[in-house]
Amino acid sequence: FQPVSTATVTEPVQLGGLAVTEDHYLVVGVVQPAGLFIF
């Protein structure tokens, strides 16, 4: 399964803040664009 259209990020992504949760996820803060990466 795949999305109908794929958007690629062209602007640089700045990371800031990182934590590992009790259920073994790595959560990384994204400064720009604002949000999270969850591994």
Full PDB file with SEQRES, HELIX, SHEET, SSBOND, CRYST1, ORIGX, SCALE, CONECT and MASTER records, all heavy atoms in Angstrom:
SEQRES   1 A   39  PHE GLN PRO VAL SER THR ALA THR VAL THR GLU PRO VAL          
SEQRES   2 A   39  GLN LEU GLY GLY LEU ALA VAL THR GLU ASP HIS TYR LEU          
SEQRES   3 A   39  VAL VAL GLY VAL VAL GLN PRO ALA GLY LEU PHE ILE PHE          
SHEET    1 AA1 3 GLN A  14  VAL A  20  0                                        
SHEET    2 AA1 3 LEU A  26  GLN A  32 -1                                        
SHEET    3 AA1 3 GLY A  35  ILE A  38 -1                                        
CRYST1    1.000    1.000    1.000  90.00  90.00  90.00 P 1           1          
ORIGX1      1.000000  0.000000  0.000000        0.00000                         
ORIGX2      0.000000  1.000000  0.000000        0.00000                         
ORIGX3      0.000000  0.000000  1.000000        0.00000                         
SCALE1      1.000000  0.000000  0.000000        0.00000                         
SCALE2      0.000000  1.000000  0.000000        0.00000                         
SCALE3      0.000000  0.000000  1.000000        0.00000                         
ATOM      1  N   PHE A   1       0.855  -1.177   0.000  1.00  0.00           N  
ATOM      2  CA  PHE A   1       0.000   0.000   0.000  1.00  0.00           C  
ATOM      3  C   PHE A   1       0.889   1.225   0.000  1.00  0.00           C  
ATOM      4  O   PHE A   1       1.934   1.251   0.652  1.00  0.00           O  
ATOM      5  CB  PHE A   1      -0.906   0.015   1.246  1.00  0.00           C  
ATOM      6  CG  PHE A   1      -2.009  -0.989   1.175  1.00  0.00           C  
ATOM      7  CD1 PHE A   1      -1.929  -2.183   1.880  1.00  0.00           C  
ATOM      8  CD2 PHE A   1      -3.140  -0.744   0.403  1.00  0.00           C  
ATOM      9  CE1 PHE A   1      -2.944  -3.108   1.815  1.00  0.00           C  
ATOM     10  CE2 PHE A   1      -4.163  -1.671   0.342  1.00  0.00           C  
ATOM     11  CZ  PHE A   1      -4.065  -2.858   1.045  1.00  0.00           C  
ATOM     12  N   GLN A   2       0.472   2.246  -0.716  1.00  0.00           N  
ATOM     13  CA  GLN A   2       1.271   3.460  -0.795  1.00  0.00           C  
ATOM     14  C   GLN A   2       0.361   4.646  -1.038  1.00  0.00           C  
ATOM     15  O   GLN A   2      -0.749   4.491  -1.543  1.00  0.00           O  
ATOM     16  CB  GLN A   2       2.307   3.338  -1.913  1.00  0.00           C  
ATOM     17  CG  GLN A   2       1.718   2.990  -3.264  1.00  0.00           C  
ATOM     18  CD  GLN A   2       2.805   2.677  -4.267  1.00  0.00           C  
ATOM     19  OE1 GLN A   2       3.910   3.144  -4.137  1.00  0.00           O  
ATOM     20  NE2 GLN A   2       2.495   1.890  -5.268  1.00  0.00           N  
ATOM     21  N   PRO A   3       0.812   5.851  -0.647  1.00  0.00           N  
ATOM     22  CA  PRO A   3      -0.027   7.028  -0.888  1.00  0.00           C  
ATOM     23  C   PRO A   3      -0.163   7.314  -2.378  1.00  0.00           C  
ATOM     24  O   PRO A   3       0.699   6.928  -3.179  1.00  0.00           O  
ATOM     25  CB  PRO A   3       0.717   8.158  -0.173  1.00  0.00           C  
ATOM     26  CG  PRO A   3       2.097   7.659   0.012  1.00  0.00           C  
ATOM     27  CD  PRO A   3       2.038   6.173   0.040  1.00  0.00           C  
ATOM     28  N   VAL A   4      -1.254   7.964  -2.735  1.00  0.00           N  
ATOM     29  CA  VAL A   4      -1.494   8.298  -4.133  1.00  0.00           C  
ATOM     30  C   VAL A   4      -0.434   9.268  -4.629  1.00  0.00           C  
ATOM     31  O   VAL A   4       0.089   9.133  -5.729  1.00  0.00           O  
ATOM     32  CB  VAL A   4      -2.913   8.903  -4.307  1.00  0.00           C  
ATOM     33  CG1 VAL A   4      -3.142   9.345  -5.744  1.00  0.00           C  
ATOM     34  CG2 VAL A   4      -3.960   7.905  -3.876  1.00  0.00           C  
ATOM     35  N   SER A   5      -0.111  10.277  -3.808  1.00  0.00           N  
ATOM     36  CA  SER A   5       0.940  11.214  -4.188  1.00  0.00           C  
ATOM     37  C   SER A   5       1.933  11.315  -3.034  1.00  0.00           C  
ATOM     38  O   SER A   5       1.538  11.311  -1.868  1.00  0.00           O  
ATOM     39  CB  SER A   5       0.365  12.592  -4.501  1.00  0.00           C  
ATOM     40  OG  SER A   5      -0.237  13.134  -3.335  1.00  0.00           O  
ATOM     41  N   THR A   6       3.185  11.361  -3.365  1.00  0.00           N  
ATOM     42  CA  THR A   6       4.222  11.473  -2.338  1.00  0.00           C  
ATOM     43  C   THR A   6       4.790  12.878  -2.374  1.00  0.00           C  
ATOM     44  O   THR A   6       5.145  13.389  -3.433  1.00  0.00           O  
ATOM     45  CB  THR A   6       5.354  10.453  -2.577  1.00  0.00           C  
ATOM     46  OG1 THR A   6       5.893  10.685  -3.863  1.00  0.00           O  
ATOM     47  CG2 THR A   6       4.845   9.048  -2.452  1.00  0.00           C  
ATOM     48  N   ALA A   7       4.839  13.508  -1.205  1.00  0.00           N  
ATOM     49  CA  ALA A   7       5.419  14.847  -1.092  1.00  0.00           C  
ATOM     50  C   ALA A   7       6.811  14.708  -0.505  1.00  0.00           C  
ATOM     51  O   ALA A   7       7.007  14.010   0.488  1.00  0.00           O  
ATOM     52  CB  ALA A   7       4.560  15.719  -0.184  1.00  0.00           C  
ATOM     53  N   THR A   8       7.760  15.326  -1.132  1.00  0.00           N  
ATOM     54  CA  THR A   8       9.128  15.289  -0.623  1.00  0.00           C  
ATOM     55  C   THR A   8       9.437  16.606   0.071  1.00  0.00           C  
ATOM     56  O   THR A   8       8.982  17.665  -0.338  1.00  0.00           O  
ATOM     57  CB  THR A   8      10.142  15.062  -1.759  1.00  0.00           C  
ATOM     58  OG1 THR A   8       9.991  16.120  -2.705  1.00  0.00           O  
ATOM     59  CG2 THR A   8       9.908  13.728  -2.424  1.00  0.00           C  
ATOM     60  N   VAL A   9      10.198  16.519   1.135  1.00  0.00           N  
ATOM     61  CA  VAL A   9      10.579  17.703   1.896  1.00  0.00           C  
ATOM     62  C   VAL A   9      11.797  18.322   1.237  1.00  0.00           C  
ATOM     63  O   VAL A   9      12.803  17.654   1.026  1.00  0.00           O  
ATOM     64  CB  VAL A   9      10.895  17.323   3.356  1.00  0.00           C  
ATOM     65  CG1 VAL A   9      11.333  18.537   4.139  1.00  0.00           C  
ATOM     66  CG2 VAL A   9       9.694  16.661   3.988  1.00  0.00           C  
ATOM     67  N   THR A  10      11.700  19.607   0.902  1.00  0.00           N  
ATOM     68  CA  THR A  10      12.835  20.275   0.275  1.00  0.00           C  
ATOM     69  C   THR A  10      13.513  21.242   1.236  1.00  0.00           C  
ATOM     70  O   THR A  10      14.665  21.567   1.057  1.00  0.00           O  
ATOM     71  CB  THR A  10      12.376  21.055  -0.972  1.00  0.00           C  
ATOM     72  OG1 THR A  10      11.347  21.962  -0.583  1.00  0.00           O  
ATOM     73  CG2 THR A  10      11.859  20.102  -2.025  1.00  0.00           C  
ATOM     74  N   GLU A  11      12.778  21.718   2.266  1.00  0.00           N  
ATOM     75  CA  GLU A  11      13.391  22.637   3.214  1.00  0.00           C  
ATOM     76  C   GLU A  11      14.166  21.858   4.264  1.00  0.00           C  
ATOM     77  O   GLU A  11      13.835  20.703   4.573  1.00  0.00           O  
ATOM     78  CB  GLU A  11      12.323  23.511   3.867  1.00  0.00           C  
ATOM     79  CG  GLU A  11      11.288  22.728   4.647  1.00  0.00           C  
ATOM     80  CD  GLU A  11      10.149  23.594   5.141  1.00  0.00           C  
ATOM     81  OE1 GLU A  11       9.700  24.464   4.387  1.00  0.00           O  
ATOM     82  OE2 GLU A  11       9.719  23.383   6.277  1.00  0.00           O  
ATOM     83  N   PRO A  12      15.215  22.463   4.855  1.00  0.00           N  
ATOM     84  CA  PRO A  12      15.982  21.742   5.867  1.00  0.00           C  
ATOM     85  C   PRO A  12      15.156  21.525   7.135  1.00  0.00           C  
ATOM     86  O   PRO A  12      14.353  22.384   7.505  1.00  0.00           O  
ATOM     87  CB  PRO A  12      17.170  22.665   6.136  1.00  0.00           C  
ATOM     88  CG  PRO A  12      16.724  24.010   5.686  1.00  0.00           C  
ATOM     89  CD  PRO A  12      15.743  23.783   4.583  1.00  0.00           C  
ATOM     90  N   VAL A  13      15.323  20.379   7.726  1.00  0.00           N  
ATOM     91  CA  VAL A  13      14.596  20.040   8.944  1.00  0.00           C  
ATOM     92  C   VAL A  13      15.545  20.202  10.126  1.00  0.00           C  
ATOM     93  O   VAL A  13      16.648  19.648  10.126  1.00  0.00           O  
ATOM     94  CB  VAL A  13      14.064  18.591   8.876  1.00  0.00           C  
ATOM     95  CG1 VAL A  13      13.407  18.204  10.175  1.00  0.00           C  
ATOM     96  CG2 VAL A  13      13.091  18.458   7.721  1.00  0.00           C  
ATOM     97  N   GLN A  14      15.124  20.972  11.132  1.00  0.00           N  
ATOM     98  CA  GLN A  14      15.942  21.216  12.310  1.00  0.00           C  
ATOM     99  C   GLN A  14      15.372  20.426  13.481  1.00  0.00           C  
ATOM    100  O   GLN A  14      14.199  20.564  13.808  1.00  0.00           O  
ATOM    101  CB  GLN A  14      15.968  22.713  12.632  1.00  0.00           C  
ATOM    102  CG  GLN A  14      16.819  23.058  13.824  1.00  0.00           C  
ATOM    103  CD  GLN A  14      16.730  24.531  14.182  1.00  0.00           C  
ATOM    104  OE1 GLN A  14      16.057  25.300  13.512  1.00  0.00           O  
ATOM    105  NE2 GLN A  14      17.404  24.917  15.242  1.00  0.00           N  
ATOM    106  N   LEU A  15      16.225  19.602  14.111  1.00  0.00           N  
ATOM    107  CA  LEU A  15      15.801  18.775  15.236  1.00  0.00           C  
ATOM    108  C   LEU A  15      16.138  19.475  16.544  1.00  0.00           C  
ATOM    109  O   LEU A  15      17.127  20.193  16.645  1.00  0.00           O  
ATOM    110  CB  LEU A  15      16.501  17.414  15.188  1.00  0.00           C  
ATOM    111  CG  LEU A  15      16.332  16.611  13.899  1.00  0.00           C  
ATOM    112  CD1 LEU A  15      17.157  15.331  13.969  1.00  0.00           C  
ATOM    113  CD2 LEU A  15      14.872  16.290  13.655  1.00  0.00           C  
ATOM    114  N   GLY A  16      15.332  19.234  17.561  1.00  0.00           N  
ATOM    115  CA  GLY A  16      15.591  19.801  18.881  1.00  0.00           C  
ATOM    116  C   GLY A  16      14.774  19.092  19.935  1.00  0.00           C  
ATOM    117  O   GLY A  16      13.558  19.148  19.909  1.00  0.00           O  
ATOM    118  N   GLY A  17      15.435  18.386  20.832  1.00  0.00           N  
ATOM    119  CA  GLY A  17      14.739  17.658  21.887  1.00  0.00           C  
ATOM    120  C   GLY A  17      14.551  16.206  21.524  1.00  0.00           C  
ATOM    121  O   GLY A  17      14.188  15.884  20.396  1.00  0.00           O  
ATOM    122  N   LEU A  18      14.832  15.306  22.486  1.00  0.00           N  
ATOM    123  CA  LEU A  18      14.794  13.876  22.190  1.00  0.00           C  
ATOM    124  C   LEU A  18      14.493  13.130  23.481  1.00  0.00           C  
ATOM    125  O   LEU A  18      14.975  13.517  24.554  1.00  0.00           O  
ATOM    126  CB  LEU A  18      16.167  13.486  21.641  1.00  0.00           C  
ATOM    127  CG  LEU A  18      16.456  12.050  21.281  1.00  0.00           C  
ATOM    128  CD1 LEU A  18      17.345  12.027  20.056  1.00  0.00           C  
ATOM    129  CD2 LEU A  18      17.157  11.342  22.412  1.00  0.00           C  
ATOM    130  N   ALA A  19      13.688  12.079  23.391  1.00  0.00           N  
ATOM    131  CA  ALA A  19      13.369  11.257  24.566  1.00  0.00           C  
ATOM    132  C   ALA A  19      13.041   9.844  24.113  1.00  0.00           C  
ATOM    133  O   ALA A  19      12.599   9.626  22.993  1.00  0.00           O  
ATOM    134  CB  ALA A  19      12.193  11.842  25.332  1.00  0.00           C  
ATOM    135  N   VAL A  20      13.272   8.881  25.012  1.00  0.00           N  
ATOM    136  CA  VAL A  20      12.879   7.496  24.778  1.00  0.00           C  
ATOM    137  C   VAL A  20      11.751   7.189  25.748  1.00  0.00           C  
ATOM    138  O   VAL A  20      11.873   7.420  26.950  1.00  0.00           O  
ATOM    139  CB  VAL A  20      14.063   6.524  24.997  1.00  0.00           C  
ATOM    140  CG1 VAL A  20      13.596   5.079  24.856  1.00  0.00           C  
ATOM    141  CG2 VAL A  20      15.181   6.812  24.011  1.00  0.00           C  
ATOM    142  N   THR A  21      10.623   6.691  25.227  1.00  0.00           N  
ATOM    143  CA  THR A  21       9.467   6.404  26.072  1.00  0.00           C  
ATOM    144  C   THR A  21       9.606   5.035  26.728  1.00  0.00           C  
ATOM    145  O   THR A  21      10.456   4.225  26.344  1.00  0.00           O  
ATOM    146  CB  THR A  21       8.168   6.451  25.247  1.00  0.00           C  
ATOM    147  OG1 THR A  21       8.193   5.378  24.301  1.00  0.00           O  
ATOM    148  CG2 THR A  21       8.022   7.779  24.534  1.00  0.00           C  
ATOM    149  N   GLU A  22       8.741   4.766  27.707  1.00  0.00           N  
ATOM    150  CA  GLU A  22       8.774   3.482  28.409  1.00  0.00           C  
ATOM    151  C   GLU A  22       8.441   2.319  27.488  1.00  0.00           C  
ATOM    152  O   GLU A  22       8.902   1.205  27.701  1.00  0.00           O  
ATOM    153  CB  GLU A  22       7.800   3.501  29.582  1.00  0.00           C  
ATOM    154  CG  GLU A  22       8.260   4.355  30.739  1.00  0.00           C  
ATOM    155  CD  GLU A  22       7.305   4.288  31.911  1.00  0.00           C  
ATOM    156  OE1 GLU A  22       6.294   3.565  31.832  1.00  0.00           O  
ATOM    157  OE2 GLU A  22       7.582   4.965  32.914  1.00  0.00           O  
ATOM    158  N   ASP A  23       7.611   2.562  26.461  1.00  0.00           N  
ATOM    159  CA  ASP A  23       7.255   1.486  25.544  1.00  0.00           C  
ATOM    160  C   ASP A  23       8.172   1.450  24.325  1.00  0.00           C  
ATOM    161  O   ASP A  23       7.788   0.954  23.261  1.00  0.00           O  
ATOM    162  CB  ASP A  23       5.777   1.526  25.159  1.00  0.00           C  
ATOM    163  CG  ASP A  23       5.279   2.927  24.871  1.00  0.00           C  
ATOM    164  OD1 ASP A  23       6.062   3.883  25.013  1.00  0.00           O  
ATOM    165  OD2 ASP A  23       4.108   3.069  24.510  1.00  0.00           O  
ATOM    166  N   HIS A  24       9.388   1.976  24.469  1.00  0.00           N  
ATOM    167  CA  HIS A  24      10.477   1.802  23.506  1.00  0.00           C  
ATOM    168  C   HIS A  24      10.263   2.523  22.174  1.00  0.00           C  
ATOM    169  O   HIS A  24      10.508   1.986  21.110  1.00  0.00           O  
ATOM    170  CB  HIS A  24      10.745   0.306  23.269  1.00  0.00           C  
ATOM    171  CG  HIS A  24      12.191  -0.013  23.073  1.00  0.00           C  
ATOM    172  ND1 HIS A  24      13.178   0.377  23.939  1.00  0.00           N  
ATOM    173  CD2 HIS A  24      12.825  -0.672  22.084  1.00  0.00           C  
ATOM    174  CE1 HIS A  24      14.343  -0.042  23.510  1.00  0.00           C  
ATOM    175  NE2 HIS A  24      14.172  -0.671  22.381  1.00  0.00           N  
ATOM    176  N   TYR A  25       9.812   3.767  22.275  1.00  0.00           N  
ATOM    177  CA  TYR A  25       9.746   4.649  21.116  1.00  0.00           C  
ATOM    178  C   TYR A  25      10.746   5.781  21.326  1.00  0.00           C  
ATOM    179  O   TYR A  25      10.897   6.275  22.447  1.00  0.00           O  
ATOM    180  CB  TYR A  25       8.348   5.245  20.933  1.00  0.00           C  
ATOM    181  CG  TYR A  25       7.344   4.264  20.402  1.00  0.00           C  
ATOM    182  CD1 TYR A  25       6.557   3.509  21.259  1.00  0.00           C  
ATOM    183  CD2 TYR A  25       7.183   4.091  19.034  1.00  0.00           C  
ATOM    184  CE1 TYR A  25       5.635   2.602  20.769  1.00  0.00           C  
ATOM    185  CE2 TYR A  25       6.257   3.180  18.531  1.00  0.00           C  
ATOM    186  CZ  TYR A  25       5.493   2.441  19.402  1.00  0.00           C  
ATOM    187  OH  TYR A  25       4.579   1.541  18.908  1.00  0.00           O  
ATOM    188  N   LEU A  26      11.416   6.178  20.262  1.00  0.00           N  
ATOM    189  CA  LEU A  26      12.305   7.331  20.289  1.00  0.00           C  
ATOM    190  C   LEU A  26      11.521   8.497  19.695  1.00  0.00           C  
ATOM    191  O   LEU A  26      11.105   8.450  18.537  1.00  0.00           O  
ATOM    192  CB  LEU A  26      13.574   7.065  19.467  1.00  0.00           C  
ATOM    193  CG  LEU A  26      14.537   8.235  19.298  1.00  0.00           C  
ATOM    194  CD1 LEU A  26      15.146   8.641  20.629  1.00  0.00           C  
ATOM    195  CD2 LEU A  26      15.644   7.865  18.320  1.00  0.00           C  
ATOM    196  N   VAL A  27      11.285   9.534  20.502  1.00  0.00           N  
ATOM    197  CA  VAL A  27      10.512  10.700  20.073  1.00  0.00           C  
ATOM    198  C   VAL A  27      11.476  11.875  19.949  1.00  0.00           C  
ATOM    199  O   VAL A  27      12.173  12.221  20.898  1.00  0.00           O  
ATOM    200  CB  VAL A  27       9.391  11.030  21.079  1.00  0.00           C  
ATOM    201  CG1 VAL A  27       8.587  12.223  20.609  1.00  0.00           C  
ATOM    202  CG2 VAL A  27       8.489   9.821  21.281  1.00  0.00           C  
ATOM    203  N   VAL A  28      11.510  12.476  18.750  1.00  0.00           N  
ATOM    204  CA  VAL A  28      12.433  13.568  18.460  1.00  0.00           C  
ATOM    205  C   VAL A  28      11.622  14.784  18.039  1.00  0.00           C  
ATOM    206  O   VAL A  28      10.765  14.693  17.157  1.00  0.00           O  
ATOM    207  CB  VAL A  28      13.423  13.171  17.335  1.00  0.00           C  
ATOM    208  CG1 VAL A  28      14.403  14.295  17.071  1.00  0.00           C  
ATOM    209  CG2 VAL A  28      14.151  11.888  17.695  1.00  0.00           C  
ATOM    210  N   GLY A  29      11.895  15.906  18.681  1.00  0.00           N  
ATOM    211  CA  GLY A  29      11.212  17.145  18.337  1.00  0.00           C  
ATOM    212  C   GLY A  29      11.772  17.744  17.059  1.00  0.00           C  
ATOM    213  O   GLY A  29      12.966  17.673  16.788  1.00  0.00           O  
ATOM    214  N   VAL A  30      10.892  18.308  16.260  1.00  0.00           N  
ATOM    215  CA  VAL A  30      11.282  18.988  15.027  1.00  0.00           C  
ATOM    216  C   VAL A  30      10.945  20.463  15.205  1.00  0.00           C  
ATOM    217  O   VAL A  30       9.797  20.815  15.464  1.00  0.00           O  
ATOM    218  CB  VAL A  30      10.544  18.403  13.801  1.00  0.00           C  
ATOM    219  CG1 VAL A  30      10.997  19.100  12.529  1.00  0.00           C  
ATOM    220  CG2 VAL A  30      10.776  16.905  13.709  1.00  0.00           C  
ATOM    221  N   VAL A  31      11.980  21.319  15.090  1.00  0.00           N  
ATOM    222  CA  VAL A  31      11.776  22.750  15.282  1.00  0.00           C  
ATOM    223  C   VAL A  31      11.119  23.361  14.059  1.00  0.00           C  
ATOM    224  O   VAL A  31      10.152  24.110  14.154  1.00  0.00           O  
ATOM    225  CB  VAL A  31      13.128  23.440  15.584  1.00  0.00           C  
ATOM    226  CG1 VAL A  31      12.953  24.943  15.733  1.00  0.00           C  
ATOM    227  CG2 VAL A  31      13.763  22.841  16.832  1.00  0.00           C  
ATOM    228  N   GLN A  32      11.642  23.019  12.893  1.00  0.00           N  
ATOM    229  CA  GLN A  32      11.112  23.578  11.646  1.00  0.00           C  
ATOM    230  C   GLN A  32      11.114  22.496  10.575  1.00  0.00           C  
ATOM    231  O   GLN A  32      12.192  21.994  10.265  1.00  0.00           O  
ATOM    232  CB  GLN A  32      11.973  24.774  11.208  1.00  0.00           C  
ATOM    233  CG  GLN A  32      11.456  25.530  10.009  1.00  0.00           C  
ATOM    234  CD  GLN A  32      10.089  26.134  10.253  1.00  0.00           C  
ATOM    235  OE1 GLN A  32       9.801  26.570  11.359  1.00  0.00           O  
ATOM    236  NE2 GLN A  32       9.241  26.129   9.258  1.00  0.00           N  
ATOM    237  N   PRO A  33       9.988  22.075  10.060  1.00  0.00           N  
ATOM    238  CA  PRO A  33       8.613  22.405  10.425  1.00  0.00           C  
ATOM    239  C   PRO A  33       8.235  21.778  11.767  1.00  0.00           C  
ATOM    240  O   PRO A  33       8.668  20.661  12.061  1.00  0.00           O  
ATOM    241  CB  PRO A  33       7.795  21.816   9.282  1.00  0.00           C  
ATOM    242  CG  PRO A  33       8.621  20.697   8.758  1.00  0.00           C  
ATOM    243  CD  PRO A  33      10.047  21.118   8.947  1.00  0.00           C  
ATOM    244  N   ALA A  34       7.452  22.481  12.560  1.00  0.00           N  
ATOM    245  CA  ALA A  34       7.156  22.072  13.933  1.00  0.00           C  
ATOM    246  C   ALA A  34       6.409  20.748  13.973  1.00  0.00           C  
ATOM    247  O   ALA A  34       5.434  20.549  13.261  1.00  0.00           O  
ATOM    248  CB  ALA A  34       6.343  23.154  14.630  1.00  0.00           C  
ATOM    249  N   GLY A  35       6.889  19.847  14.817  1.00  0.00           N  
ATOM    250  CA  GLY A  35       6.241  18.547  14.958  1.00  0.00           C  
ATOM    251  C   GLY A  35       7.138  17.553  15.659  1.00  0.00           C  
ATOM    252  O   GLY A  35       8.036  17.923  16.422  1.00  0.00           O  
ATOM    253  N   LEU A  36       6.903  16.280  15.370  1.00  0.00           N  
ATOM    254  CA  LEU A  36       7.655  15.189  16.002  1.00  0.00           C  
ATOM    255  C   LEU A  36       7.985  14.117  14.979  1.00  0.00           C  
ATOM    256  O   LEU A  36       7.230  13.889  14.040  1.00  0.00           O  
ATOM    257  CB  LEU A  36       6.825  14.532  17.120  1.00  0.00           C  
ATOM    258  CG  LEU A  36       6.466  15.341  18.347  1.00  0.00           C  
ATOM    259  CD1 LEU A  36       5.520  14.543  19.225  1.00  0.00           C  
ATOM    260  CD2 LEU A  36       7.709  15.729  19.117  1.00  0.00           C  
ATOM    261  N   PHE A  37       9.119  13.451  15.211  1.00  0.00           N  
ATOM    262  CA  PHE A  37       9.413  12.180  14.559  1.00  0.00           C  
ATOM    263  C   PHE A  37       9.314  11.121  15.635  1.00  0.00           C  
ATOM    264  O   PHE A  37       9.868  11.274  16.725  1.00  0.00           O  
ATOM    265  CB  PHE A  37      10.826  12.156  13.962  1.00  0.00           C  
ATOM    266  CG  PHE A  37      10.983  12.954  12.706  1.00  0.00           C  
ATOM    267  CD1 PHE A  37      11.976  13.917  12.593  1.00  0.00           C  
ATOM    268  CD2 PHE A  37      10.149  12.741  11.622  1.00  0.00           C  
ATOM    269  CE1 PHE A  37      12.123  14.645  11.430  1.00  0.00           C  
ATOM    270  CE2 PHE A  37      10.290  13.466  10.456  1.00  0.00           C  
ATOM    271  CZ  PHE A  37      11.280  14.422  10.354  1.00  0.00           C  
ATOM    272  N   ILE A  38       8.633  10.018  15.324  1.00  0.00           N  
ATOM    273  CA  ILE A  38       8.482   8.925  16.275  1.00  0.00           C  
ATOM    274  C   ILE A  38       9.064   7.668  15.648  1.00  0.00           C  
ATOM    275  O   ILE A  38       8.592   7.195  14.615  1.00  0.00           O  
ATOM    276  CB  ILE A  38       7.007   8.710  16.654  1.00  0.00           C  
ATOM    277  CG1 ILE A  38       6.435  10.004  17.237  1.00  0.00           C  
ATOM    278  CG2 ILE A  38       6.867   7.575  17.644  1.00  0.00           C  
ATOM    279  CD1 ILE A  38       4.956   9.970  17.482  1.00  0.00           C  
ATOM    280  N   PHE A  39      10.102   7.138  16.286  1.00  0.00           N  
ATOM    281  CA  PHE A  39      10.770   5.933  15.818  1.00  0.00           C  
ATOM    282  C   PHE A  39      10.356   4.774  16.705  1.00  0.00           C  
ATOM    283  O   PHE A  39      10.412   4.877  17.933  1.00  0.00           O  
ATOM    284  CB  PHE A  39      12.297   6.082  15.901  1.00  0.00           C  
ATOM    285  CG  PHE A  39      12.862   7.152  15.016  1.00  0.00           C  
ATOM    286  CD1 PHE A  39      12.939   8.466  15.445  1.00  0.00           C  
ATOM    287  CD2 PHE A  39      13.355   6.835  13.755  1.00  0.00           C  
ATOM    288  CE1 PHE A  39      13.478   9.446  14.635  1.00  0.00           C  
ATOM    289  CE2 PHE A  39      13.893   7.813  12.949  1.00  0.00           C  
ATOM    290  CZ  PHE A  39      13.957   9.120  13.384  1.00  0.00           C  
TER     291      PHE A  39                                                      
MASTER        0    0    0    0    3    0    0    6  290    1    0    3          
END                                                                             
